[in-house]
Amino acid sequence: MPDIPIAVQLYSVRDDCAKDFPGTLKAVADMGYAGVEFAGYYGYSAEELRTMLSELGLKCAGTHTGLDTITAQEIGTTIEFNKALGNRFLIVPGLPAERTSSRDAWLETARMFSQSAELAVAEGMRVGYHNHHIEFQALDGEWPWDTFFSNTPKEVVMQLDTGNALVGGADPAPILKRYPGRALTVHLKEHSATNDKALVGEGDVNWPLIFDLCENIGSTEWYIVEQESYPCAPLEAVAKCLENLRKMGK
């Protein structure tokens, strides 16, 4: 089975990043994370960010980037920035309401991603989409998730967020099975029916099954911890998530 590295989505520690971005990156590296996924750049250039990561032994596991940055008009600039950063994965973390209001809207969004994917692949990069919960609420007789991923090529990355899927009432395991080879980066987020501050490994997610599917059919290259509720300080929470993953053999 592949040894998949573990990154942290920096949105998990956004307040710390805003106060001391270099110090937060060092703290993450000291915990033992292999990489980070960006959710903003805090005023630093791509070259400065890449240098900081390199000095700390961290890699870029991706970035969450707005839909407007992967349009045909803007993706060239986005690709240039991310080449300098050393990033391959351009992941859109959400969509405006007009893109999600109907099946036709989702189909139009799928067409846009398909075009962007073609441009990104030509430059050695991938575009992708990250779910919240609405993608698993039936719309015009179908999950929007299926509307979108059934109408995009395999080059569009399916960044499945395990916790968000469960909030939407969807089991993430069958989703991974339905779209083999597309879960290149996966958000490891816990979900618990009894504890809204559960850390990874402390809730209802069937982690052994998720890991098995990612490692055998998902083509997963990065596990990315995302923690959005906190039983303790955010940096301590993401440290404990990594500790729990290590206890599970990751």
C-alpha atoms as a PDB file:
ATOM      1  CA  MET A   1       0.000   0.000   0.000  1.00  0.00           C
ATOM      2  CA  PRO A   2       1.293   3.495  -0.768  1.00  0.00           C
ATOM      3  CA  ASP A   3       2.748   5.611   2.017  1.00  0.00           C
ATOM      4  CA  ILE A   4       0.576   8.694   1.603  1.00  0.00           C
ATOM      5  CA  PRO A   5       1.962  11.865   3.221  1.00  0.00           C
ATOM      6  CA  ILE A   6      -0.195  13.927   5.567  1.00  0.00           C
ATOM      7  CA  ALA A   7      -0.678  17.677   5.201  1.00  0.00           C
ATOM      8  CA  VAL A   8      -2.797  20.167   7.095  1.00  0.00           C
ATOM      9  CA  GLN A   9      -5.235  22.634   5.547  1.00  0.00           C
ATOM     10  CA  LEU A  10      -4.065  25.957   6.941  1.00  0.00           C
ATOM     11  CA  TYR A  11      -7.647  27.171   7.282  1.00  0.00           C
ATOM     12  CA  SER A  12      -7.623  24.965  10.392  1.00  0.00           C
ATOM     13  CA  VAL A  13      -5.167  27.385  12.031  1.00  0.00           C
ATOM     14  CA  ARG A  14      -6.144  30.574  10.209  1.00  0.00           C
ATOM     15  CA  ASP A  15      -6.048  32.844  13.265  1.00  0.00           C
ATOM     16  CA  ASP A  16      -2.536  31.670  14.074  1.00  0.00           C
ATOM     17  CA  CYS A  17      -1.535  32.217  10.444  1.00  0.00           C
ATOM     18  CA  ALA A  18      -2.881  35.765  10.547  1.00  0.00           C
ATOM     19  CA  LYS A  19      -0.859  36.541  13.677  1.00  0.00           C
ATOM     20  CA  ASP A  20       2.409  34.833  12.749  1.00  0.00           C
ATOM     21  CA  PHE A  21       2.443  32.975   9.456  1.00  0.00           C
ATOM     22  CA  PRO A  22       6.110  31.877   9.468  1.00  0.00           C
ATOM     23  CA  GLY A  23       5.807  30.778  13.096  1.00  0.00           C
ATOM     24  CA  THR A  24       2.670  28.792  12.352  1.00  0.00           C
ATOM     25  CA  LEU A  25       4.361  27.004   9.445  1.00  0.00           C
ATOM     26  CA  LYS A  26       7.254  26.114  11.753  1.00  0.00           C
ATOM     27  CA  ALA A  27       4.860  24.788  14.384  1.00  0.00           C
ATOM     28  CA  VAL A  28       3.146  22.601  11.783  1.00  0.00           C
ATOM     29  CA  ALA A  29       6.490  21.295  10.551  1.00  0.00           C
ATOM     30  CA  ASP A  30       7.625  20.570  14.111  1.00  0.00           C
ATOM     31  CA  MET A  31       4.469  18.494  14.664  1.00  0.00           C
ATOM     32  CA  GLY A  32       5.553  16.203  11.837  1.00  0.00           C
ATOM     33  CA  TYR A  33       3.232  17.239   9.035  1.00  0.00           C
ATOM     34  CA  ALA A  34       4.727  16.636   5.587  1.00  0.00           C
ATOM     35  CA  GLY A  35       2.958  19.500   3.862  1.00  0.00           C
ATOM     36  CA  VAL A  36       0.353  22.228   3.905  1.00  0.00           C
ATOM     37  CA  GLU A  37      -2.627  23.191   1.792  1.00  0.00           C
ATOM     38  CA  PHE A  38      -3.015  26.942   1.525  1.00  0.00           C
ATOM     39  CA  ALA A  39      -6.170  28.952   2.173  1.00  0.00           C
ATOM     40  CA  GLY A  40      -4.667  32.376   1.532  1.00  0.00           C
ATOM     41  CA  TYR A  41      -1.118  33.692   1.319  1.00  0.00           C
ATOM     42  CA  TYR A  42      -0.984  36.407   4.014  1.00  0.00           C
ATOM     43  CA  GLY A  43       0.768  38.924   1.776  1.00  0.00           C
ATOM     44  CA  TYR A  44       3.703  36.717   0.817  1.00  0.00           C
ATOM     45  CA  SER A  45       4.832  36.124  -2.751  1.00  0.00           C
ATOM     46  CA  ALA A  46       4.891  32.647  -4.272  1.00  0.00           C
ATOM     47  CA  GLU A  47       8.690  32.659  -4.155  1.00  0.00           C
ATOM     48  CA  GLU A  48       8.740  33.676  -0.478  1.00  0.00           C
ATOM     49  CA  LEU A  49       6.229  30.957   0.390  1.00  0.00           C
ATOM     50  CA  ARG A  50       8.202  28.312  -1.468  1.00  0.00           C
ATOM     51  CA  THR A  51      11.383  29.321   0.333  1.00  0.00           C
ATOM     52  CA  MET A  52       9.665  29.131   3.721  1.00  0.00           C
ATOM     53  CA  LEU A  53       8.319  25.665   2.966  1.00  0.00           C
ATOM     54  CA  SER A  54      11.677  24.447   1.699  1.00  0.00           C
ATOM     55  CA  GLU A  55      13.538  25.687   4.767  1.00  0.00           C
ATOM     56  CA  LEU A  56      11.075  23.826   7.001  1.00  0.00           C
ATOM     57  CA  GLY A  57      11.056  20.620   4.973  1.00  0.00           C
ATOM     58  CA  LEU A  58       7.395  21.088   4.017  1.00  0.00           C
ATOM     59  CA  LYS A  59       5.773  20.532   0.633  1.00  0.00           C
ATOM     60  CA  CYS A  60       2.751  22.217  -0.915  1.00  0.00           C
ATOM     61  CA  ALA A  61      -0.150  19.767  -1.002  1.00  0.00           C
ATOM     62  CA  GLY A  62      -2.432  22.191  -2.807  1.00  0.00           C
ATOM     63  CA  THR A  63      -4.224  25.468  -2.463  1.00  0.00           C
ATOM     64  CA  HIS A  64      -7.860  26.450  -2.035  1.00  0.00           C
ATOM     65  CA  THR A  65      -8.472  29.033  -4.710  1.00  0.00           C
ATOM     66  CA  GLY A  66     -11.571  30.934  -5.772  1.00  0.00           C
ATOM     67  CA  LEU A  67     -13.614  29.955  -8.801  1.00  0.00           C
ATOM     68  CA  ASP A  68     -12.685  33.254 -10.440  1.00  0.00           C
ATOM     69  CA  THR A  69      -9.007  32.247 -10.462  1.00  0.00           C
ATOM     70  CA  ILE A  70      -9.545  29.236 -12.735  1.00  0.00           C
ATOM     71  CA  THR A  71     -11.623  30.918 -15.419  1.00  0.00           C
ATOM     72  CA  ALA A  72     -10.239  30.870 -18.960  1.00  0.00           C
ATOM     73  CA  GLN A  73      -9.279  34.526 -18.518  1.00  0.00           C
ATOM     74  CA  GLU A  74      -7.443  34.103 -15.201  1.00  0.00           C
ATOM     75  CA  ILE A  75      -6.085  30.555 -15.077  1.00  0.00           C
ATOM     76  CA  GLY A  76      -2.857  31.533 -16.857  1.00  0.00           C
ATOM     77  CA  THR A  77      -1.976  33.935 -14.044  1.00  0.00           C
ATOM     78  CA  THR A  78      -3.012  31.358 -11.455  1.00  0.00           C
ATOM     79  CA  ILE A  79      -0.841  28.683 -13.055  1.00  0.00           C
ATOM     80  CA  GLU A  80       2.140  31.038 -13.150  1.00  0.00           C
ATOM     81  CA  PHE A  81       1.785  31.813  -9.426  1.00  0.00           C
ATOM     82  CA  ASN A  82       1.383  28.171  -8.469  1.00  0.00           C
ATOM     83  CA  LYS A  83       4.340  27.044 -10.563  1.00  0.00           C
ATOM     84  CA  ALA A  84       6.457  29.483  -8.590  1.00  0.00           C
ATOM     85  CA  LEU A  85       4.902  28.159  -5.383  1.00  0.00           C
ATOM     86  CA  GLY A  86       5.587  24.540  -6.311  1.00  0.00           C
ATOM     87  CA  ASN A  87       1.920  23.549  -6.261  1.00  0.00           C
ATOM     88  CA  ARG A  88       0.092  21.156  -8.602  1.00  0.00           C
ATOM     89  CA  PHE A  89      -3.422  21.172  -7.145  1.00  0.00           C
ATOM     90  CA  LEU A  90      -5.818  24.100  -7.668  1.00  0.00           C
ATOM     91  CA  ILE A  91      -8.873  23.237  -5.579  1.00  0.00           C
ATOM     92  CA  VAL A  92     -12.031  25.341  -5.526  1.00  0.00           C
ATOM     93  CA  PRO A  93     -13.520  25.118  -2.010  1.00  0.00           C
ATOM     94  CA  GLY A  94     -17.022  26.382  -2.747  1.00  0.00           C
ATOM     95  CA  LEU A  95     -19.317  27.954  -5.303  1.00  0.00           C
ATOM     96  CA  PRO A  96     -21.626  30.987  -5.417  1.00  0.00           C
ATOM     97  CA  ALA A  97     -25.377  30.358  -5.208  1.00  0.00           C
ATOM     98  CA  GLU A  98     -25.965  30.922  -8.908  1.00  0.00           C
ATOM     99  CA  ARG A  99     -23.663  27.967  -9.616  1.00  0.00           C
ATOM    100  CA  THR A 100     -25.542  25.571  -7.339  1.00  0.00           C
ATOM    101  CA  SER A 101     -29.227  26.507  -7.671  1.00  0.00           C
ATOM    102  CA  SER A 102     -30.229  23.884 -10.246  1.00  0.00           C
ATOM    103  CA  ARG A 103     -28.967  20.848 -12.108  1.00  0.00           C
ATOM    104  CA  ASP A 104     -28.409  23.026 -15.168  1.00  0.00           C
ATOM    105  CA  ALA A 105     -26.269  25.379 -13.097  1.00  0.00           C
ATOM    106  CA  TRP A 106     -24.155  22.457 -11.913  1.00  0.00           C
ATOM    107  CA  LEU A 107     -23.815  21.203 -15.489  1.00  0.00           C
ATOM    108  CA  GLU A 108     -22.598  24.608 -16.631  1.00  0.00           C
ATOM    109  CA  THR A 109     -20.103  24.624 -13.760  1.00  0.00           C
ATOM    110  CA  ALA A 110     -18.946  21.165 -14.815  1.00  0.00           C
ATOM    111  CA  ARG A 111     -18.325  22.458 -18.332  1.00  0.00           C
ATOM    112  CA  MET A 112     -16.238  25.304 -16.950  1.00  0.00           C
ATOM    113  CA  PHE A 113     -14.129  22.959 -14.811  1.00  0.00           C
ATOM    114  CA  SER A 114     -13.647  20.638 -17.778  1.00  0.00           C
ATOM    115  CA  GLN A 115     -12.223  23.494 -19.837  1.00  0.00           C
ATOM    116  CA  SER A 116     -10.031  24.677 -16.969  1.00  0.00           C
ATOM    117  CA  ALA A 117      -8.781  21.144 -16.378  1.00  0.00           C
ATOM    118  CA  GLU A 118      -7.594  20.889 -19.963  1.00  0.00           C
ATOM    119  CA  LEU A 119      -5.610  24.105 -19.602  1.00  0.00           C
ATOM    120  CA  ALA A 120      -4.180  23.072 -16.227  1.00  0.00           C
ATOM    121  CA  VAL A 121      -3.145  19.579 -17.313  1.00  0.00           C
ATOM    122  CA  ALA A 122      -1.205  21.046 -20.220  1.00  0.00           C
ATOM    123  CA  GLU A 123       0.912  22.840 -17.575  1.00  0.00           C
ATOM    124  CA  GLY A 124       1.310  19.832 -15.281  1.00  0.00           C
ATOM    125  CA  MET A 125      -1.415  20.917 -12.856  1.00  0.00           C
ATOM    126  CA  ARG A 126      -4.878  19.788 -11.849  1.00  0.00           C
ATOM    127  CA  VAL A 127      -8.038  21.632 -10.923  1.00  0.00           C
ATOM    128  CA  GLY A 128     -10.514  20.168  -8.471  1.00  0.00           C
ATOM    129  CA  TYR A 129     -13.534  20.716  -6.278  1.00  0.00           C
ATOM    130  CA  HIS A 130     -14.035  20.325  -2.527  1.00  0.00           C
ATOM    131  CA  ASN A 131     -17.441  19.517  -1.052  1.00  0.00           C
ATOM    132  CA  HIS A 132     -19.451  20.931   1.797  1.00  0.00           C
ATOM    133  CA  HIS A 133     -22.791  19.288   2.563  1.00  0.00           C
ATOM    134  CA  ILE A 134     -25.153  20.658  -0.100  1.00  0.00           C
ATOM    135  CA  GLU A 135     -23.586  18.467  -2.756  1.00  0.00           C
ATOM    136  CA  PHE A 136     -25.324  15.508  -1.118  1.00  0.00           C
ATOM    137  CA  GLN A 137     -28.789  17.041  -0.929  1.00  0.00           C
ATOM    138  CA  ALA A 138     -30.880  15.825  -3.879  1.00  0.00           C
ATOM    139  CA  LEU A 139     -31.464  18.440  -6.581  1.00  0.00           C
ATOM    140  CA  ASP A 140     -33.631  17.681  -9.613  1.00  0.00           C
ATOM    141  CA  GLY A 141     -33.518  13.996  -8.697  1.00  0.00           C
ATOM    142  CA  GLU A 142     -29.753  13.669  -8.281  1.00  0.00           C
ATOM    143  CA  TRP A 143     -26.952  14.558  -5.925  1.00  0.00           C
ATOM    144  CA  PRO A 144     -25.145  17.654  -7.238  1.00  0.00           C
ATOM    145  CA  TRP A 145     -21.919  15.752  -6.524  1.00  0.00           C
ATOM    146  CA  ASP A 146     -22.907  13.157  -9.110  1.00  0.00           C
ATOM    147  CA  THR A 147     -24.158  15.783 -11.546  1.00  0.00           C
ATOM    148  CA  PHE A 148     -20.771  17.467 -11.359  1.00  0.00           C
ATOM    149  CA  PHE A 149     -18.370  14.525 -11.320  1.00  0.00           C
ATOM    150  CA  SER A 150     -20.318  12.463 -13.848  1.00  0.00           C
ATOM    151  CA  ASN A 151     -19.943  15.346 -16.284  1.00  0.00           C
ATOM    152  CA  THR A 152     -16.290  16.222 -15.789  1.00  0.00           C
ATOM    153  CA  PRO A 153     -13.250  14.280 -17.019  1.00  0.00           C
ATOM    154  CA  LYS A 154     -11.091  12.231 -14.684  1.00  0.00           C
ATOM    155  CA  GLU A 155      -8.573  15.078 -14.723  1.00  0.00           C
ATOM    156  CA  VAL A 156     -10.866  17.097 -12.423  1.00  0.00           C
ATOM    157  CA  VAL A 157      -9.811  16.185  -8.890  1.00  0.00           C
ATOM    158  CA  MET A 158     -12.481  14.996  -6.470  1.00  0.00           C
ATOM    159  CA  GLN A 159     -11.324  16.436  -3.146  1.00  0.00           C
ATOM    160  CA  LEU A 160     -13.694  14.556  -0.879  1.00  0.00           C
ATOM    161  CA  ASP A 161     -14.142  16.014   2.609  1.00  0.00           C
ATOM    162  CA  THR A 162     -15.196  13.072   4.773  1.00  0.00           C
ATOM    163  CA  GLY A 163     -16.779  15.066   7.577  1.00  0.00           C
ATOM    164  CA  ASN A 164     -18.707  17.407   5.298  1.00  0.00           C
ATOM    165  CA  ALA A 165     -20.101  14.448   3.356  1.00  0.00           C
ATOM    166  CA  LEU A 166     -21.409  12.905   6.567  1.00  0.00           C
ATOM    167  CA  VAL A 167     -22.988  16.215   7.581  1.00  0.00           C
ATOM    168  CA  GLY A 168     -24.872  16.011   4.277  1.00  0.00           C
ATOM    169  CA  GLY A 169     -26.027  12.496   5.103  1.00  0.00           C
ATOM    170  CA  ALA A 170     -23.656  10.745   2.693  1.00  0.00           C
ATOM    171  CA  ASP A 171     -21.278   7.895   3.485  1.00  0.00           C
ATOM    172  CA  PRO A 172     -17.907   8.861   1.972  1.00  0.00           C
ATOM    173  CA  ALA A 173     -16.873   5.260   1.268  1.00  0.00           C
ATOM    174  CA  PRO A 174     -19.310   4.568  -1.617  1.00  0.00           C
ATOM    175  CA  ILE A 175     -18.388   7.942  -3.111  1.00  0.00           C
ATOM    176  CA  LEU A 176     -14.746   6.912  -3.278  1.00  0.00           C
ATOM    177  CA  LYS A 177     -15.787   3.634  -4.891  1.00  0.00           C
ATOM    178  CA  ARG A 178     -17.987   5.386  -7.449  1.00  0.00           C
ATOM    179  CA  TYR A 179     -15.167   7.616  -8.721  1.00  0.00           C
ATOM    180  CA  PRO A 180     -11.981   5.514  -8.729  1.00  0.00           C
ATOM    181  CA  GLY A 181      -8.734   7.307  -9.419  1.00  0.00           C
ATOM    182  CA  ARG A 182     -10.127  10.777  -8.783  1.00  0.00           C
ATOM    183  CA  ALA A 183      -9.522  11.352  -5.062  1.00  0.00           C
ATOM    184  CA  LEU A 184      -5.969  12.632  -5.501  1.00  0.00           C
ATOM    185  CA  THR A 185      -6.228  14.755  -2.361  1.00  0.00           C
ATOM    186  CA  VAL A 186      -8.649  13.904   0.458  1.00  0.00           C
ATOM    187  CA  HIS A 187      -9.708  15.982   3.429  1.00  0.00           C
ATOM    188  CA  LEU A 188      -9.599  13.986   6.629  1.00  0.00           C
ATOM    189  CA  LYS A 189     -12.284  15.566   8.770  1.00  0.00           C
ATOM    190  CA  GLU A 190     -14.059  13.862  11.651  1.00  0.00           C
ATOM    191  CA  HIS A 191     -17.791  13.720  12.214  1.00  0.00           C
ATOM    192  CA  SER A 192     -19.517  12.674  15.404  1.00  0.00           C
ATOM    193  CA  ALA A 193     -23.202  12.442  16.221  1.00  0.00           C
ATOM    194  CA  THR A 194     -22.448  13.181  19.878  1.00  0.00           C
ATOM    195  CA  ASN A 195     -19.408  15.483  19.878  1.00  0.00           C
ATOM    196  CA  ASP A 196     -19.282  18.485  17.567  1.00  0.00           C
ATOM    197  CA  LYS A 197     -15.639  19.093  18.517  1.00  0.00           C
ATOM    198  CA  ALA A 198     -14.360  15.585  17.786  1.00  0.00           C
ATOM    199  CA  LEU A 199     -10.854  15.334  16.404  1.00  0.00           C
ATOM    200  CA  VAL A 200      -9.787  12.930  13.670  1.00  0.00           C
ATOM    201  CA  GLY A 201     -10.043   9.419  15.092  1.00  0.00           C
ATOM    202  CA  GLU A 202     -12.523  10.336  17.824  1.00  0.00           C
ATOM    203  CA  GLY A 203     -15.852  10.151  15.979  1.00  0.00           C
ATOM    204  CA  ASP A 204     -17.954   8.122  13.560  1.00  0.00           C
ATOM    205  CA  VAL A 205     -15.808   8.024  10.397  1.00  0.00           C
ATOM    206  CA  ASN A 206     -14.774   4.495   9.414  1.00  0.00           C
ATOM    207  CA  TRP A 207     -11.140   5.458   8.969  1.00  0.00           C
ATOM    208  CA  PRO A 208      -9.723   1.990   8.155  1.00  0.00           C
ATOM    209  CA  LEU A 209     -12.178   1.696   5.258  1.00  0.00           C
ATOM    210  CA  ILE A 210     -11.486   5.234   4.040  1.00  0.00           C
ATOM    211  CA  PHE A 211      -7.735   4.619   4.088  1.00  0.00           C
ATOM    212  CA  ASP A 212      -8.139   1.299   2.279  1.00  0.00           C
ATOM    213  CA  LEU A 213     -10.194   2.889  -0.494  1.00  0.00           C
ATOM    214  CA  CYS A 214      -7.880   5.892  -0.881  1.00  0.00           C
ATOM    215  CA  GLU A 215      -4.824   3.693  -1.049  1.00  0.00           C
ATOM    216  CA  ASN A 216      -6.240   1.019  -3.359  1.00  0.00           C
ATOM    217  CA  ILE A 217      -8.676   2.740  -5.730  1.00  0.00           C
ATOM    218  CA  GLY A 218      -8.564   6.475  -5.027  1.00  0.00           C
ATOM    219  CA  SER A 219      -5.069   7.190  -6.406  1.00  0.00           C
ATOM    220  CA  THR A 220      -4.720   9.451  -3.370  1.00  0.00           C
ATOM    221  CA  GLU A 221      -1.465  11.436  -3.194  1.00  0.00           C
ATOM    222  CA  TRP A 222      -2.173  13.520  -0.083  1.00  0.00           C
ATOM    223  CA  TYR A 223      -4.180  13.127   3.093  1.00  0.00           C
ATOM    224  CA  ILE A 224      -5.073  16.619   4.328  1.00  0.00           C
ATOM    225  CA  VAL A 225      -6.281  17.192   7.885  1.00  0.00           C
ATOM    226  CA  GLU A 226      -8.927  19.885   8.260  1.00  0.00           C
ATOM    227  CA  GLN A 227     -10.253  20.760  11.706  1.00  0.00           C
ATOM    228  CA  GLU A 228     -12.951  23.419  11.978  1.00  0.00           C
ATOM    229  CA  SER A 229     -14.179  22.883  15.556  1.00  0.00           C
ATOM    230  CA  TYR A 230     -11.868  22.994  18.520  1.00  0.00           C
ATOM    231  CA  PRO A 231     -11.854  21.274  21.912  1.00  0.00           C
ATOM    232  CA  CYS A 232      -8.547  23.074  22.552  1.00  0.00           C
ATOM    233  CA  ALA A 233      -6.335  25.653  20.822  1.00  0.00           C
ATOM    234  CA  PRO A 234      -6.307  25.151  17.015  1.00  0.00           C
ATOM    235  CA  LEU A 235      -2.600  24.311  16.823  1.00  0.00           C
ATOM    236  CA  GLU A 236      -3.004  21.802  19.618  1.00  0.00           C
ATOM    237  CA  ALA A 237      -6.047  20.329  17.862  1.00  0.00           C
ATOM    238  CA  VAL A 238      -4.238  19.698  14.572  1.00  0.00           C
ATOM    239  CA  ALA A 239      -1.295  18.241  16.484  1.00  0.00           C
ATOM    240  CA  LYS A 240      -3.630  15.786  18.199  1.00  0.00           C
ATOM    241  CA  CYS A 241      -5.229  14.894  14.852  1.00  0.00           C
ATOM    242  CA  LEU A 242      -1.818  13.924  13.521  1.00  0.00           C
ATOM    243  CA  GLU A 243      -1.040  11.972  16.689  1.00  0.00           C
ATOM    244  CA  ASN A 244      -4.292  10.037  16.284  1.00  0.00           C
ATOM    245  CA  LEU A 245      -3.497   9.282  12.650  1.00  0.00           C
ATOM    246  CA  ARG A 246      -0.090   7.966  13.667  1.00  0.00           C
ATOM    247  CA  LYS A 247      -1.785   5.675  16.192  1.00  0.00           C
ATOM    248  CA  MET A 248      -3.881   4.355  13.287  1.00  0.00           C
ATOM    249  CA  GLY A 249      -0.704   3.526  11.407  1.00  0.00           C
ATOM    250  CA  LYS A 250      -0.620   6.536   9.067  1.00  0.00           C
END
